[in-house]
Amino acid sequence: QVQKVTMPARPFLGVSDDDRDDILDVIQARIQSRIQGNV
């Protein structure tokens, strides 16, 4: 039984460097498939 509780930040949402690379890979693969004629 307390007057206040301090919660530490535990971030789970966001874009990591690996996420950014994966997103760019997905976009690049889609663009490449368009360039190669897979319309």
ModelCIF file with pLDDT and N, C-alpha, C, O atoms, coordinates in Angstrom:
data_MODEL
#
_entry.id   MODEL 
#
_entity.id                         1 
_entity.type                       polymer 
_entity.pdbx_number_of_molecules   1 
#
_entity_poly.entity_id                      1 
_entity_poly.type                           'polypeptide(L)' 
_entity_poly.nstd_linkage                   no 
_entity_poly.nstd_monomer                   no 
_entity_poly.pdbx_seq_one_letter_code       QVQKVTMPARPFLGVSDDDRDDILDVIQARIQSRIQGNV 
_entity_poly.pdbx_seq_one_letter_code_can   QVQKVTMPARPFLGVSDDDRDDILDVIQARIQSRIQGNV 
_entity_poly.pdbx_strand_id                 A 
#
loop_
_entity_poly_seq.entity_id 
_entity_poly_seq.num 
_entity_poly_seq.mon_id 
_entity_poly_seq.hetero 
1 1  GLN n 
1 2  VAL n 
1 3  GLN n 
1 4  LYS n 
1 5  VAL n 
1 6  THR n 
1 7  MET n 
1 8  PRO n 
1 9  ALA n 
1 10 ARG n 
1 11 PRO n 
1 12 PHE n 
1 13 LEU n 
1 14 GLY n 
1 15 VAL n 
1 16 SER n 
1 17 ASP n 
1 18 ASP n 
1 19 ASP n 
1 20 ARG n 
1 21 ASP n 
1 22 ASP n 
1 23 ILE n 
1 24 LEU n 
1 25 ASP n 
1 26 VAL n 
1 27 ILE n 
1 28 GLN n 
1 29 ALA n 
1 30 ARG n 
1 31 ILE n 
1 32 GLN n 
1 33 SER n 
1 34 ARG n 
1 35 ILE n 
1 36 GLN n 
1 37 GLY n 
1 38 ASN n 
1 39 VAL n 
#
_struct_asym.id          A 
_struct_asym.entity_id   1 
#
loop_
_ma_qa_metric.id 
_ma_qa_metric.mode 
_ma_qa_metric.name 
_ma_qa_metric.software_group_id 
_ma_qa_metric.type 
1 global pLDDT . pLDDT 
2 local  pLDDT . pLDDT 
#
_ma_qa_metric_global.metric_id      1 
_ma_qa_metric_global.metric_value   88.28 
_ma_qa_metric_global.model_id       1 
_ma_qa_metric_global.ordinal_id     1 
#
loop_
_ma_qa_metric_local.label_asym_id 
_ma_qa_metric_local.label_comp_id 
_ma_qa_metric_local.label_seq_id 
_ma_qa_metric_local.metric_id 
_ma_qa_metric_local.metric_value 
_ma_qa_metric_local.model_id 
_ma_qa_metric_local.ordinal_id 
A GLN 1  2 90.00 1 1  
A VAL 2  2 91.00 1 2  
A GLN 3  2 92.00 1 3  
A LYS 4  2 91.00 1 4  
A VAL 5  2 90.00 1 5  
A THR 6  2 94.00 1 6  
A MET 7  2 94.00 1 7  
A PRO 8  2 97.00 1 8  
A ALA 9  2 97.00 1 9  
A ARG 10 2 97.00 1 10 
A PRO 11 2 98.00 1 11 
A PHE 12 2 97.00 1 12 
A LEU 13 2 97.00 1 13 
A GLY 14 2 96.00 1 14 
A VAL 15 2 96.00 1 15 
A SER 16 2 96.00 1 16 
A ASP 17 2 95.00 1 17 
A ASP 18 2 96.00 1 18 
A ASP 19 2 96.00 1 19 
A ARG 20 2 96.00 1 20 
A ASP 21 2 95.00 1 21 
A ASP 22 2 96.00 1 22 
A ILE 23 2 94.00 1 23 
A LEU 24 2 93.00 1 24 
A ASP 25 2 93.00 1 25 
A VAL 26 2 92.00 1 26 
A ILE 27 2 89.00 1 27 
A GLN 28 2 89.00 1 28 
A ALA 29 2 89.00 1 29 
A ARG 30 2 85.00 1 30 
A ILE 31 2 82.00 1 31 
A GLN 32 2 83.00 1 32 
A SER 33 2 81.00 1 33 
A ARG 34 2 74.00 1 34 
A ILE 35 2 74.00 1 35 
A GLN 36 2 74.00 1 36 
A GLY 37 2 64.00 1 37 
A ASN 38 2 54.00 1 38 
A VAL 39 2 46.00 1 39 
#
loop_
_atom_site.group_PDB 
_atom_site.id 
_atom_site.type_symbol 
_atom_site.label_atom_id 
_atom_site.label_alt_id 
_atom_site.label_comp_id 
_atom_site.label_asym_id 
_atom_site.label_entity_id 
_atom_site.label_seq_id 
_atom_site.pdbx_PDB_ins_code 
_atom_site.Cartn_x 
_atom_site.Cartn_y 
_atom_site.Cartn_z 
_atom_site.occupancy 
_atom_site.B_iso_or_equiv 
_atom_site.pdbx_formal_charge 
_atom_site.auth_seq_id 
_atom_site.auth_comp_id 
_atom_site.auth_asym_id 
_atom_site.auth_atom_id 
_atom_site.pdbx_PDB_model_num 
ATOM 1   N N  . GLN A 1 1  ? 0.867  -1.167 0.000   1.00 90.00 ? 1  GLN A N  1 
ATOM 2   C CA . GLN A 1 1  ? 0.000  0.000  0.000   1.00 90.00 ? 1  GLN A CA 1 
ATOM 3   C C  . GLN A 1 1  ? 0.908  1.222  0.000   1.00 90.00 ? 1  GLN A C  1 
ATOM 4   O O  . GLN A 1 1  ? 1.633  1.467  0.964   1.00 90.00 ? 1  GLN A O  1 
ATOM 5   N N  . VAL A 1 2  ? 0.863  1.996  -1.098  1.00 91.00 ? 2  VAL A N  1 
ATOM 6   C CA . VAL A 1 2  ? 1.781  3.113  -1.282  1.00 91.00 ? 2  VAL A CA 1 
ATOM 7   C C  . VAL A 1 2  ? 1.025  4.318  -1.852  1.00 91.00 ? 2  VAL A C  1 
ATOM 8   O O  . VAL A 1 2  ? -0.105 4.189  -2.323  1.00 91.00 ? 2  VAL A O  1 
ATOM 9   N N  . GLN A 1 3  ? 1.658  5.475  -1.804  1.00 92.00 ? 3  GLN A N  1 
ATOM 10  C CA . GLN A 1 3  ? 1.077  6.687  -2.378  1.00 92.00 ? 3  GLN A CA 1 
ATOM 11  C C  . GLN A 1 3  ? 1.396  6.829  -3.865  1.00 92.00 ? 3  GLN A C  1 
ATOM 12  O O  . GLN A 1 3  ? 0.636  7.430  -4.623  1.00 92.00 ? 3  GLN A O  1 
ATOM 13  N N  . LYS A 1 4  ? 2.531  6.266  -4.265  1.00 91.00 ? 4  LYS A N  1 
ATOM 14  C CA . LYS A 1 4  ? 2.900  6.332  -5.676  1.00 91.00 ? 4  LYS A CA 1 
ATOM 15  C C  . LYS A 1 4  ? 3.814  5.164  -6.026  1.00 91.00 ? 4  LYS A C  1 
ATOM 16  O O  . LYS A 1 4  ? 4.473  4.577  -5.169  1.00 91.00 ? 4  LYS A O  1 
ATOM 17  N N  . VAL A 1 5  ? 3.826  4.857  -7.291  1.00 90.00 ? 5  VAL A N  1 
ATOM 18  C CA . VAL A 1 5  ? 4.688  3.806  -7.831  1.00 90.00 ? 5  VAL A CA 1 
ATOM 19  C C  . VAL A 1 5  ? 5.427  4.405  -9.020  1.00 90.00 ? 5  VAL A C  1 
ATOM 20  O O  . VAL A 1 5  ? 4.820  5.065  -9.864  1.00 90.00 ? 5  VAL A O  1 
ATOM 21  N N  . THR A 1 6  ? 6.727  4.180  -9.088  1.00 94.00 ? 6  THR A N  1 
ATOM 22  C CA . THR A 1 6  ? 7.519  4.630  -10.229 1.00 94.00 ? 6  THR A CA 1 
ATOM 23  C C  . THR A 1 6  ? 7.782  3.437  -11.133 1.00 94.00 ? 6  THR A C  1 
ATOM 24  O O  . THR A 1 6  ? 8.387  2.442  -10.732 1.00 94.00 ? 6  THR A O  1 
ATOM 25  N N  . MET A 1 7  ? 7.310  3.570  -12.362 1.00 94.00 ? 7  MET A N  1 
ATOM 26  C CA . MET A 1 7  ? 7.484  2.500  -13.345 1.00 94.00 ? 7  MET A CA 1 
ATOM 27  C C  . MET A 1 7  ? 8.640  2.873  -14.257 1.00 94.00 ? 7  MET A C  1 
ATOM 28  O O  . MET A 1 7  ? 8.657  3.978  -14.801 1.00 94.00 ? 7  MET A O  1 
ATOM 29  N N  . PRO A 1 8  ? 9.607  1.983  -14.438 1.00 97.00 ? 8  PRO A N  1 
ATOM 30  C CA . PRO A 1 8  ? 10.682 2.270  -15.396 1.00 97.00 ? 8  PRO A CA 1 
ATOM 31  C C  . PRO A 1 8  ? 10.154 2.107  -16.829 1.00 97.00 ? 8  PRO A C  1 
ATOM 32  O O  . PRO A 1 8  ? 9.224  1.340  -17.077 1.00 97.00 ? 8  PRO A O  1 
ATOM 33  N N  . ALA A 1 9  ? 10.747 2.820  -17.735 1.00 97.00 ? 9  ALA A N  1 
ATOM 34  C CA . ALA A 1 9  ? 10.386 2.661  -19.151 1.00 97.00 ? 9  ALA A CA 1 
ATOM 35  C C  . ALA A 1 9  ? 10.880 1.305  -19.634 1.00 97.00 ? 9  ALA A C  1 
ATOM 36  O O  . ALA A 1 9  ? 12.019 0.908  -19.386 1.00 97.00 ? 9  ALA A O  1 
ATOM 37  N N  . ARG A 1 10 ? 10.002 0.617  -20.322 1.00 97.00 ? 10 ARG A N  1 
ATOM 38  C CA . ARG A 1 10 ? 10.346 -0.649 -20.965 1.00 97.00 ? 10 ARG A CA 1 
ATOM 39  C C  . ARG A 1 10 ? 9.799  -0.591 -22.390 1.00 97.00 ? 10 ARG A C  1 
ATOM 40  O O  . ARG A 1 10 ? 8.772  -1.198 -22.694 1.00 97.00 ? 10 ARG A O  1 
ATOM 41  N N  . PRO A 1 11 ? 10.490 0.140  -23.253 1.00 98.00 ? 11 PRO A N  1 
ATOM 42  C CA . PRO A 1 11 ? 9.959  0.360  -24.602 1.00 98.00 ? 11 PRO A CA 1 
ATOM 43  C C  . PRO A 1 11 ? 9.879  -0.931 -25.414 1.00 98.00 ? 11 PRO A C  1 
ATOM 44  O O  . PRO A 1 11 ? 10.817 -1.727 -25.459 1.00 98.00 ? 11 PRO A O  1 
ATOM 45  N N  . PHE A 1 12 ? 8.744  -1.103 -26.042 1.00 97.00 ? 12 PHE A N  1 
ATOM 46  C CA . PHE A 1 12 ? 8.538  -2.258 -26.914 1.00 97.00 ? 12 PHE A CA 1 
ATOM 47  C C  . PHE A 1 12 ? 8.139  -1.814 -28.314 1.00 97.00 ? 12 PHE A C  1 
ATOM 48  O O  . PHE A 1 12 ? 8.298  -2.575 -29.269 1.00 97.00 ? 12 PHE A O  1 
ATOM 49  N N  . LEU A 1 13 ? 7.622  -0.595 -28.453 1.00 97.00 ? 13 LEU A N  1 
ATOM 50  C CA . LEU A 1 13 ? 7.266  -0.059 -29.761 1.00 97.00 ? 13 LEU A CA 1 
ATOM 51  C C  . LEU A 1 13 ? 8.407  0.797  -30.289 1.00 97.00 ? 13 LEU A C  1 
ATOM 52  O O  . LEU A 1 13 ? 9.089  1.482  -29.527 1.00 97.00 ? 13 LEU A O  1 
ATOM 53  N N  . GLY A 1 14 ? 8.601  0.751  -31.572 1.00 96.00 ? 14 GLY A N  1 
ATOM 54  C CA . GLY A 1 14 ? 9.648  1.546  -32.191 1.00 96.00 ? 14 GLY A CA 1 
ATOM 55  C C  . GLY A 1 14 ? 10.268 0.784  -33.343 1.00 96.00 ? 14 GLY A C  1 
ATOM 56  O O  . GLY A 1 14 ? 9.918  -0.367 -33.603 1.00 96.00 ? 14 GLY A O  1 
ATOM 57  N N  . VAL A 1 15 ? 11.177 1.424  -34.018 1.00 96.00 ? 15 VAL A N  1 
ATOM 58  C CA . VAL A 1 15 ? 11.850 0.827  -35.173 1.00 96.00 ? 15 VAL A CA 1 
ATOM 59  C C  . VAL A 1 15 ? 13.340 0.761  -34.864 1.00 96.00 ? 15 VAL A C  1 
ATOM 60  O O  . VAL A 1 15 ? 14.012 1.786  -34.742 1.00 96.00 ? 15 VAL A O  1 
ATOM 61  N N  . SER A 1 16 ? 13.834 -0.446 -34.744 1.00 96.00 ? 16 SER A N  1 
ATOM 62  C CA . SER A 1 16 ? 15.268 -0.645 -34.490 1.00 96.00 ? 16 SER A CA 1 
ATOM 63  C C  . SER A 1 16 ? 16.038 -0.506 -35.796 1.00 96.00 ? 16 SER A C  1 
ATOM 64  O O  . SER A 1 16 ? 15.446 -0.397 -36.870 1.00 96.00 ? 16 SER A O  1 
ATOM 65  N N  . ASP A 1 17 ? 17.352 -0.510 -35.692 1.00 95.00 ? 17 ASP A N  1 
ATOM 66  C CA . ASP A 1 17 ? 18.179 -0.482 -36.902 1.00 95.00 ? 17 ASP A CA 1 
ATOM 67  C C  . ASP A 1 17 ? 17.904 -1.700 -37.775 1.00 95.00 ? 17 ASP A C  1 
ATOM 68  O O  . ASP A 1 17 ? 17.834 -1.585 -38.999 1.00 95.00 ? 17 ASP A O  1 
ATOM 69  N N  . ASP A 1 18 ? 17.747 -2.875 -37.147 1.00 96.00 ? 18 ASP A N  1 
ATOM 70  C CA . ASP A 1 18 ? 17.434 -4.087 -37.907 1.00 96.00 ? 18 ASP A CA 1 
ATOM 71  C C  . ASP A 1 18 ? 16.063 -3.974 -38.575 1.00 96.00 ? 18 ASP A C  1 
ATOM 72  O O  . ASP A 1 18 ? 15.887 -4.386 -39.722 1.00 96.00 ? 18 ASP A O  1 
ATOM 73  N N  . ASP A 1 19 ? 15.088 -3.409 -37.841 1.00 96.00 ? 19 ASP A N  1 
ATOM 74  C CA . ASP A 1 19 ? 13.755 -3.215 -38.428 1.00 96.00 ? 19 ASP A CA 1 
ATOM 75  C C  . ASP A 1 19 ? 13.848 -2.318 -39.655 1.00 96.00 ? 19 ASP A C  1 
ATOM 76  O O  . ASP A 1 19 ? 13.259 -2.612 -40.695 1.00 96.00 ? 19 ASP A O  1 
ATOM 77  N N  . ARG A 1 20 ? 14.585 -1.232 -39.528 1.00 96.00 ? 20 ARG A N  1 
ATOM 78  C CA . ARG A 1 20 ? 14.743 -0.290 -40.636 1.00 96.00 ? 20 ARG A CA 1 
ATOM 79  C C  . ARG A 1 20 ? 15.340 -1.003 -41.846 1.00 96.00 ? 20 ARG A C  1 
ATOM 80  O O  . ARG A 1 20 ? 14.872 -0.823 -42.970 1.00 96.00 ? 20 ARG A O  1 
ATOM 81  N N  . ASP A 1 21 ? 16.369 -1.806 -41.617 1.00 95.00 ? 21 ASP A N  1 
ATOM 82  C CA . ASP A 1 21 ? 16.988 -2.551 -42.711 1.00 95.00 ? 21 ASP A CA 1 
ATOM 83  C C  . ASP A 1 21 ? 15.999 -3.528 -43.347 1.00 95.00 ? 21 ASP A C  1 
ATOM 84  O O  . ASP A 1 21 ? 15.947 -3.657 -44.570 1.00 95.00 ? 21 ASP A O  1 
ATOM 85  N N  . ASP A 1 22 ? 15.209 -4.220 -42.507 1.00 96.00 ? 22 ASP A N  1 
ATOM 86  C CA . ASP A 1 22 ? 14.221 -5.169 -43.031 1.00 96.00 ? 22 ASP A CA 1 
ATOM 87  C C  . ASP A 1 22 ? 13.147 -4.454 -43.854 1.00 96.00 ? 22 ASP A C  1 
ATOM 88  O O  . ASP A 1 22 ? 12.735 -4.942 -44.906 1.00 96.00 ? 22 ASP A O  1 
ATOM 89  N N  . ILE A 1 23 ? 12.699 -3.298 -43.369 1.00 94.00 ? 23 ILE A N  1 
ATOM 90  C CA . ILE A 1 23 ? 11.692 -2.524 -44.101 1.00 94.00 ? 23 ILE A CA 1 
ATOM 91  C C  . ILE A 1 23 ? 12.248 -2.080 -45.452 1.00 94.00 ? 23 ILE A C  1 
ATOM 92  O O  . ILE A 1 23 ? 11.575 -2.193 -46.477 1.00 94.00 ? 23 ILE A O  1 
ATOM 93  N N  . LEU A 1 24 ? 13.469 -1.581 -45.445 1.00 93.00 ? 24 LEU A N  1 
ATOM 94  C CA . LEU A 1 24 ? 14.092 -1.168 -46.713 1.00 93.00 ? 24 LEU A CA 1 
ATOM 95  C C  . LEU A 1 24 ? 14.271 -2.351 -47.653 1.00 93.00 ? 24 LEU A C  1 
ATOM 96  O O  . LEU A 1 24 ? 14.120 -2.203 -48.866 1.00 93.00 ? 24 LEU A O  1 
ATOM 97  N N  . ASP A 1 25 ? 14.592 -3.528 -47.109 1.00 93.00 ? 25 ASP A N  1 
ATOM 98  C CA . ASP A 1 25 ? 14.723 -4.728 -47.943 1.00 93.00 ? 25 ASP A CA 1 
ATOM 99  C C  . ASP A 1 25 ? 13.397 -5.092 -48.606 1.00 93.00 ? 25 ASP A C  1 
ATOM 100 O O  . ASP A 1 25 ? 13.367 -5.453 -49.782 1.00 93.00 ? 25 ASP A O  1 
ATOM 101 N N  . VAL A 1 26 ? 12.303 -4.998 -47.853 1.00 92.00 ? 26 VAL A N  1 
ATOM 102 C CA . VAL A 1 26 ? 10.976 -5.298 -48.403 1.00 92.00 ? 26 VAL A CA 1 
ATOM 103 C C  . VAL A 1 26 ? 10.650 -4.325 -49.533 1.00 92.00 ? 26 VAL A C  1 
ATOM 104 O O  . VAL A 1 26 ? 10.198 -4.733 -50.603 1.00 92.00 ? 26 VAL A O  1 
ATOM 105 N N  . ILE A 1 27 ? 10.878 -3.054 -49.290 1.00 89.00 ? 27 ILE A N  1 
ATOM 106 C CA . ILE A 1 27 ? 10.592 -2.041 -50.312 1.00 89.00 ? 27 ILE A CA 1 
ATOM 107 C C  . ILE A 1 27 ? 11.462 -2.261 -51.540 1.00 89.00 ? 27 ILE A C  1 
ATOM 108 O O  . ILE A 1 27 ? 10.983 -2.190 -52.672 1.00 89.00 ? 27 ILE A O  1 
ATOM 109 N N  . GLN A 1 28 ? 12.740 -2.529 -51.311 1.00 89.00 ? 28 GLN A N  1 
ATOM 110 C CA . GLN A 1 28 ? 13.660 -2.752 -52.434 1.00 89.00 ? 28 GLN A CA 1 
ATOM 111 C C  . GLN A 1 28 ? 13.251 -3.980 -53.239 1.00 89.00 ? 28 GLN A C  1 
ATOM 112 O O  . GLN A 1 28 ? 13.310 -3.962 -54.468 1.00 89.00 ? 28 GLN A O  1 
ATOM 113 N N  . ALA A 1 29 ? 12.838 -5.045 -52.558 1.00 89.00 ? 29 ALA A N  1 
ATOM 114 C CA . ALA A 1 29 ? 12.426 -6.263 -53.264 1.00 89.00 ? 29 ALA A CA 1 
ATOM 115 C C  . ALA A 1 29 ? 11.191 -5.997 -54.126 1.00 89.00 ? 29 ALA A C  1 
ATOM 116 O O  . ALA A 1 29 ? 11.103 -6.500 -55.246 1.00 89.00 ? 29 ALA A O  1 
ATOM 117 N N  . ARG A 1 30 ? 10.239 -5.213 -53.618 1.00 85.00 ? 30 ARG A N  1 
ATOM 118 C CA . ARG A 1 30 ? 9.046  -4.882 -54.396 1.00 85.00 ? 30 ARG A CA 1 
ATOM 119 C C  . ARG A 1 30 ? 9.406  -4.044 -55.619 1.00 85.00 ? 30 ARG A C  1 
ATOM 120 O O  . ARG A 1 30 ? 8.909  -4.294 -56.717 1.00 85.00 ? 30 ARG A O  1 
ATOM 121 N N  . ILE A 1 31 ? 10.256 -3.069 -55.430 1.00 82.00 ? 31 ILE A N  1 
ATOM 122 C CA . ILE A 1 31 ? 10.683 -2.228 -56.551 1.00 82.00 ? 31 ILE A CA 1 
ATOM 123 C C  . ILE A 1 31 ? 11.432 -3.071 -57.574 1.00 82.00 ? 31 ILE A C  1 
ATOM 124 O O  . ILE A 1 31 ? 11.190 -2.950 -58.775 1.00 82.00 ? 31 ILE A O  1 
ATOM 125 N N  . GLN A 1 32 ? 12.334 -3.918 -57.111 1.00 83.00 ? 32 GLN A N  1 
ATOM 126 C CA . GLN A 1 32 ? 13.117 -4.763 -58.013 1.00 83.00 ? 32 GLN A CA 1 
ATOM 127 C C  . GLN A 1 32 ? 12.212 -5.693 -58.810 1.00 83.00 ? 32 GLN A C  1 
ATOM 128 O O  . GLN A 1 32 ? 12.439 -5.914 -59.999 1.00 83.00 ? 32 GLN A O  1 
ATOM 129 N N  . SER A 1 33 ? 11.184 -6.239 -58.158 1.00 81.00 ? 33 SER A N  1 
ATOM 130 C CA . SER A 1 33 ? 10.286 -7.129 -58.892 1.00 81.00 ? 33 SER A CA 1 
ATOM 131 C C  . SER A 1 33 ? 9.529  -6.360 -59.970 1.00 81.00 ? 33 SER A C  1 
ATOM 132 O O  . SER A 1 33 ? 9.219  -6.917 -61.023 1.00 81.00 ? 33 SER A O  1 
ATOM 133 N N  . ARG A 1 34 ? 9.229  -5.092 -59.721 1.00 74.00 ? 34 ARG A N  1 
ATOM 134 C CA . ARG A 1 34 ? 8.568  -4.264 -60.734 1.00 74.00 ? 34 ARG A CA 1 
ATOM 135 C C  . ARG A 1 34 ? 9.517  -3.972 -61.896 1.00 74.00 ? 34 ARG A C  1 
ATOM 136 O O  . ARG A 1 34 ? 9.121  -4.031 -63.060 1.00 74.00 ? 34 ARG A O  1 
ATOM 137 N N  . ILE A 1 35 ? 10.752 -3.664 -61.577 1.00 74.00 ? 35 ILE A N  1 
ATOM 138 C CA . ILE A 1 35 ? 11.738 -3.364 -62.625 1.00 74.00 ? 35 ILE A CA 1 
ATOM 139 C C  . ILE A 1 35 ? 11.983 -4.577 -63.505 1.00 74.00 ? 35 ILE A C  1 
ATOM 140 O O  . ILE A 1 35 ? 12.158 -4.445 -64.716 1.00 74.00 ? 35 ILE A O  1 
ATOM 141 N N  . GLN A 1 36 ? 11.997 -5.756 -62.902 1.00 74.00 ? 36 GLN A N  1 
ATOM 142 C CA . GLN A 1 36 ? 12.282 -6.970 -63.657 1.00 74.00 ? 36 GLN A CA 1 
ATOM 143 C C  . GLN A 1 36 ? 11.059 -7.477 -64.421 1.00 74.00 ? 36 GLN A C  1 
ATOM 144 O O  . GLN A 1 36 ? 11.109 -8.529 -65.057 1.00 74.00 ? 36 GLN A O  1 
ATOM 145 N N  . GLY A 1 37 ? 9.967  -6.725 -64.354 1.00 64.00 ? 37 GLY A N  1 
ATOM 146 C CA . GLY A 1 37 ? 8.827  -7.069 -65.185 1.00 64.00 ? 37 GLY A CA 1 
ATOM 147 C C  . GLY A 1 37 ? 7.758  -7.888 -64.522 1.00 64.00 ? 37 GLY A C  1 
ATOM 148 O O  . GLY A 1 37 ? 6.794  -8.274 -65.182 1.00 64.00 ? 37 GLY A O  1 
ATOM 149 N N  . ASN A 1 38 ? 7.880  -8.163 -63.278 1.00 54.00 ? 38 ASN A N  1 
ATOM 150 C CA . ASN A 1 38 ? 6.818  -8.891 -62.569 1.00 54.00 ? 38 ASN A CA 1 
ATOM 151 C C  . ASN A 1 38 ? 5.781  -7.875 -62.140 1.00 54.00 ? 38 ASN A C  1 
ATOM 152 O O  . ASN A 1 38 ? 5.668  -7.562 -60.955 1.00 54.00 ? 38 ASN A O  1 
ATOM 153 N N  . VAL A 1 39 ? 5.027  -7.359 -63.087 1.00 46.00 ? 39 VAL A N  1 
ATOM 154 C CA . VAL A 1 39 ? 4.118  -6.241 -62.856 1.00 46.00 ? 39 VAL A CA 1 
ATOM 155 C C  . VAL A 1 39 ? 2.963  -6.580 -61.930 1.00 46.00 ? 39 VAL A C  1 
ATOM 156 O O  . VAL A 1 39 ? 2.123  -5.725 -61.653 1.00 46.00 ? 39 VAL A O  1 
#
